[in-house]
Amino acid sequence: MKARIAAALTLALVLVLASPPSPAAVLPPGEEAPAPAEDVLFLKSGGEIRGRIAGEDGEAYAVKVGGALRVVDRDDVAEVRRGAPAP
């Protein structure tokens, strides 16, 4: 389990560091950024996790929520919606 978490966190860190700047950072002056979107993981327990999926493998998702990175087992996830409008 610890090895899976370490691998997921390493993958997520690489993806976050290699990702391009947000569109708002490169918009010309006077233009507005598009409405924010996020990924939503619906859990089998009835809860949900809203954030941005930073990485995934066959066993887990690494989700950036605010400034934190959460690792969620795929077995605990009922559904994934990518790019859902932020509330």
N, C-alpha and C. Protein backbone atom coordinates (compact mmCIF):
# COMPACT_ATOMS: atom_id res chain seq x y z
N MET A 1 0.82 -1.19 0.00
CA MET A 1 0.00 0.00 0.00
C MET A 1 0.87 1.25 0.00
N LYS A 2 1.92 1.29 0.84
CA LYS A 2 2.79 2.46 0.90
C LYS A 2 3.49 2.68 -0.43
N ALA A 3 3.88 1.60 -1.10
CA ALA A 3 4.54 1.73 -2.40
C ALA A 3 3.58 2.31 -3.43
N ARG A 4 2.30 1.91 -3.38
CA ARG A 4 1.30 2.45 -4.31
C ARG A 4 1.11 3.93 -4.09
N ILE A 5 1.03 4.33 -2.83
CA ILE A 5 0.83 5.74 -2.52
C ILE A 5 2.05 6.54 -2.96
N ALA A 6 3.24 6.03 -2.70
CA ALA A 6 4.45 6.74 -3.10
C ALA A 6 4.52 6.87 -4.62
N ALA A 7 4.16 5.81 -5.34
CA ALA A 7 4.18 5.87 -6.80
C ALA A 7 3.15 6.86 -7.33
N ALA A 8 1.96 6.87 -6.74
CA ALA A 8 0.92 7.80 -7.18
C ALA A 8 1.32 9.24 -6.89
N LEU A 9 1.91 9.49 -5.73
CA LEU A 9 2.35 10.84 -5.39
C LEU A 9 3.49 11.30 -6.29
N THR A 10 4.41 10.41 -6.61
CA THR A 10 5.50 10.76 -7.51
C THR A 10 4.97 11.10 -8.88
N LEU A 11 4.05 10.29 -9.41
CA LEU A 11 3.44 10.55 -10.71
C LEU A 11 2.71 11.89 -10.69
N ALA A 12 1.95 12.14 -9.64
CA ALA A 12 1.20 13.39 -9.54
C ALA A 12 2.13 14.60 -9.49
N LEU A 13 3.22 14.49 -8.75
CA LEU A 13 4.17 15.60 -8.65
C LEU A 13 4.80 15.89 -10.00
N VAL A 14 5.18 14.86 -10.72
CA VAL A 14 5.76 15.05 -12.06
C VAL A 14 4.75 15.71 -12.99
N LEU A 15 3.51 15.27 -12.96
CA LEU A 15 2.49 15.85 -13.83
C LEU A 15 2.18 17.29 -13.47
N VAL A 16 2.15 17.61 -12.18
CA VAL A 16 1.87 18.98 -11.76
C VAL A 16 3.02 19.90 -12.16
N LEU A 17 4.25 19.46 -11.96
CA LEU A 17 5.39 20.30 -12.31
C LEU A 17 5.55 20.47 -13.81
N ALA A 18 5.13 19.48 -14.58
CA ALA A 18 5.28 19.54 -16.03
C ALA A 18 4.09 20.18 -16.73
N SER A 19 3.03 20.47 -16.00
CA SER A 19 1.83 21.02 -16.64
C SER A 19 2.06 22.48 -17.01
N PRO A 20 1.43 22.93 -18.11
CA PRO A 20 1.58 24.32 -18.54
C PRO A 20 0.87 25.26 -17.57
N PRO A 21 1.18 26.55 -17.65
CA PRO A 21 0.50 27.50 -16.77
C PRO A 21 -0.99 27.53 -17.06
N SER A 22 -1.75 27.98 -16.09
CA SER A 22 -3.19 28.05 -16.28
C SER A 22 -3.52 29.05 -17.37
N PRO A 23 -4.66 28.87 -18.07
CA PRO A 23 -5.03 29.79 -19.15
C PRO A 23 -5.12 31.24 -18.67
N ALA A 24 -5.51 31.46 -17.42
CA ALA A 24 -5.62 32.82 -16.91
C ALA A 24 -4.26 33.52 -16.88
N ALA A 25 -3.18 32.74 -16.76
CA ALA A 25 -1.85 33.33 -16.69
C ALA A 25 -1.36 33.82 -18.05
N VAL A 26 -1.96 33.38 -19.14
CA VAL A 26 -1.48 33.76 -20.47
C VAL A 26 -2.54 34.49 -21.30
N LEU A 27 -3.61 34.93 -20.69
CA LEU A 27 -4.65 35.65 -21.41
C LEU A 27 -4.20 37.06 -21.74
N PRO A 28 -4.57 37.56 -22.91
CA PRO A 28 -4.26 38.96 -23.23
C PRO A 28 -5.02 39.89 -22.28
N PRO A 29 -4.50 41.08 -22.05
CA PRO A 29 -5.19 42.03 -21.16
C PRO A 29 -6.61 42.30 -21.64
N GLY A 30 -7.53 42.38 -20.70
CA GLY A 30 -8.91 42.68 -21.03
C GLY A 30 -9.78 41.46 -21.27
N GLU A 31 -9.19 40.29 -21.44
CA GLU A 31 -9.99 39.07 -21.66
C GLU A 31 -10.19 38.35 -20.33
N GLU A 32 -11.37 37.78 -20.18
CA GLU A 32 -11.69 37.04 -18.96
C GLU A 32 -11.34 35.57 -19.11
N ALA A 33 -10.97 34.97 -18.01
CA ALA A 33 -10.68 33.54 -18.00
C ALA A 33 -11.99 32.76 -18.13
N PRO A 34 -11.95 31.57 -18.72
CA PRO A 34 -13.16 30.75 -18.80
C PRO A 34 -13.62 30.35 -17.40
N ALA A 35 -14.88 29.97 -17.31
CA ALA A 35 -15.42 29.53 -16.02
C ALA A 35 -14.61 28.35 -15.51
N PRO A 36 -14.35 28.30 -14.21
CA PRO A 36 -13.54 27.21 -13.67
C PRO A 36 -14.25 25.86 -13.81
N ALA A 37 -13.46 24.84 -14.01
CA ALA A 37 -13.99 23.48 -14.08
C ALA A 37 -13.13 22.62 -13.17
N GLU A 38 -13.67 21.52 -12.74
CA GLU A 38 -12.94 20.62 -11.86
C GLU A 38 -13.35 19.19 -12.16
N ASP A 39 -12.58 18.27 -11.63
CA ASP A 39 -12.92 16.86 -11.74
C ASP A 39 -13.65 16.46 -10.46
N VAL A 40 -14.60 15.55 -10.59
CA VAL A 40 -15.35 15.10 -9.42
C VAL A 40 -15.27 13.58 -9.35
N LEU A 41 -14.84 13.07 -8.21
CA LEU A 41 -14.84 11.64 -7.94
C LEU A 41 -16.00 11.35 -7.01
N PHE A 42 -16.97 10.56 -7.47
CA PHE A 42 -18.09 10.15 -6.65
C PHE A 42 -17.71 8.83 -5.99
N LEU A 43 -17.73 8.82 -4.68
CA LEU A 43 -17.29 7.65 -3.93
C LEU A 43 -18.44 6.68 -3.70
N LYS A 44 -18.11 5.41 -3.56
CA LYS A 44 -19.12 4.38 -3.29
C LYS A 44 -19.79 4.61 -1.94
N SER A 45 -19.11 5.31 -1.05
CA SER A 45 -19.67 5.59 0.28
C SER A 45 -20.71 6.70 0.24
N GLY A 46 -20.86 7.36 -0.93
CA GLY A 46 -21.83 8.44 -1.06
C GLY A 46 -21.21 9.82 -1.07
N GLY A 47 -19.96 9.93 -0.70
CA GLY A 47 -19.27 11.23 -0.71
C GLY A 47 -18.74 11.57 -2.09
N GLU A 48 -18.12 12.73 -2.17
CA GLU A 48 -17.49 13.13 -3.42
C GLU A 48 -16.24 13.94 -3.11
N ILE A 49 -15.30 13.89 -4.04
CA ILE A 49 -14.07 14.66 -3.93
C ILE A 49 -13.99 15.54 -5.18
N ARG A 50 -13.90 16.85 -4.96
CA ARG A 50 -13.82 17.80 -6.07
C ARG A 50 -12.41 18.39 -6.10
N GLY A 51 -11.81 18.37 -7.27
CA GLY A 51 -10.47 18.91 -7.44
C GLY A 51 -10.01 18.67 -8.86
N ARG A 52 -8.72 18.53 -9.05
CA ARG A 52 -8.16 18.27 -10.37
C ARG A 52 -7.35 16.98 -10.28
N ILE A 53 -7.68 16.00 -11.12
CA ILE A 53 -6.93 14.74 -11.14
C ILE A 53 -5.54 15.05 -11.70
N ALA A 54 -4.53 14.87 -10.84
CA ALA A 54 -3.16 15.18 -11.23
C ALA A 54 -2.43 13.96 -11.76
N GLY A 55 -2.93 12.77 -11.45
CA GLY A 55 -2.32 11.54 -11.93
C GLY A 55 -3.20 10.36 -11.57
N GLU A 56 -2.97 9.27 -12.26
CA GLU A 56 -3.72 8.05 -11.97
C GLU A 56 -2.97 6.86 -12.51
N ASP A 57 -3.23 5.73 -11.92
CA ASP A 57 -2.71 4.46 -12.44
C ASP A 57 -3.81 3.43 -12.29
N GLY A 58 -3.49 2.17 -12.44
CA GLY A 58 -4.50 1.13 -12.37
C GLY A 58 -5.11 0.93 -11.00
N GLU A 59 -4.52 1.54 -9.97
CA GLU A 59 -4.97 1.29 -8.61
C GLU A 59 -5.49 2.51 -7.87
N ALA A 60 -5.09 3.72 -8.29
CA ALA A 60 -5.47 4.91 -7.51
C ALA A 60 -5.50 6.16 -8.37
N TYR A 61 -6.18 7.19 -7.85
CA TYR A 61 -6.18 8.53 -8.42
C TYR A 61 -5.41 9.44 -7.47
N ALA A 62 -4.64 10.37 -7.99
CA ALA A 62 -4.04 11.44 -7.20
C ALA A 62 -4.79 12.71 -7.56
N VAL A 63 -5.48 13.29 -6.59
CA VAL A 63 -6.36 14.44 -6.84
C VAL A 63 -5.82 15.65 -6.09
N LYS A 64 -5.61 16.75 -6.82
CA LYS A 64 -5.18 17.99 -6.20
C LYS A 64 -6.42 18.74 -5.73
N VAL A 65 -6.53 18.91 -4.42
CA VAL A 65 -7.68 19.58 -3.81
C VAL A 65 -7.11 20.77 -3.04
N GLY A 66 -7.37 21.98 -3.56
CA GLY A 66 -6.75 23.15 -2.95
C GLY A 66 -5.25 23.03 -3.09
N GLY A 67 -4.53 23.12 -2.00
CA GLY A 67 -3.08 22.96 -2.03
C GLY A 67 -2.62 21.57 -1.66
N ALA A 68 -3.56 20.67 -1.38
CA ALA A 68 -3.21 19.32 -0.94
C ALA A 68 -3.39 18.31 -2.07
N LEU A 69 -2.68 17.21 -1.95
CA LEU A 69 -2.80 16.12 -2.91
C LEU A 69 -3.35 14.91 -2.18
N ARG A 70 -4.49 14.40 -2.63
CA ARG A 70 -5.13 13.23 -2.00
C ARG A 70 -5.00 12.03 -2.93
N VAL A 71 -4.72 10.89 -2.36
CA VAL A 71 -4.66 9.64 -3.12
C VAL A 71 -5.91 8.84 -2.77
N VAL A 72 -6.66 8.45 -3.80
CA VAL A 72 -7.93 7.75 -3.61
C VAL A 72 -7.87 6.42 -4.37
N ASP A 73 -8.10 5.32 -3.66
CA ASP A 73 -8.12 4.00 -4.31
C ASP A 73 -9.24 3.93 -5.34
N ARG A 74 -8.96 3.33 -6.49
CA ARG A 74 -9.99 3.15 -7.52
C ARG A 74 -11.15 2.31 -7.00
N ASP A 75 -10.87 1.39 -6.11
CA ASP A 75 -11.93 0.52 -5.56
C ASP A 75 -12.98 1.32 -4.79
N ASP A 76 -12.61 2.51 -4.32
CA ASP A 76 -13.53 3.34 -3.54
C ASP A 76 -14.34 4.30 -4.41
N VAL A 77 -14.06 4.34 -5.72
CA VAL A 77 -14.69 5.32 -6.61
C VAL A 77 -15.79 4.66 -7.43
N ALA A 78 -16.99 5.27 -7.40
CA ALA A 78 -18.12 4.76 -8.19
C ALA A 78 -18.15 5.39 -9.58
N GLU A 79 -17.79 6.68 -9.67
CA GLU A 79 -17.88 7.40 -10.95
C GLU A 79 -16.89 8.56 -10.95
N VAL A 80 -16.38 8.89 -12.14
CA VAL A 80 -15.49 10.04 -12.31
C VAL A 80 -16.07 10.95 -13.38
N ARG A 81 -16.20 12.23 -13.06
CA ARG A 81 -16.62 13.23 -14.05
C ARG A 81 -15.48 14.23 -14.20
N ARG A 82 -14.94 14.29 -15.40
CA ARG A 82 -13.83 15.19 -15.66
C ARG A 82 -14.34 16.50 -16.26
N GLY A 83 -13.78 17.59 -15.78
CA GLY A 83 -14.14 18.89 -16.32
C GLY A 83 -15.53 19.36 -15.98
N ALA A 84 -16.07 18.92 -14.86
CA ALA A 84 -17.41 19.36 -14.44
C ALA A 84 -17.36 20.83 -14.04
N PRO A 85 -18.42 21.59 -14.30
CA PRO A 85 -18.44 22.99 -13.88
C PRO A 85 -18.30 23.11 -12.36
N ALA A 86 -17.50 24.06 -11.93
CA ALA A 86 -17.33 24.28 -10.49
C ALA A 86 -18.60 24.91 -9.93
N PRO A 87 -18.97 24.55 -8.71
CA PRO A 87 -20.21 25.12 -8.13
C PRO A 87 -20.04 26.59 -7.77
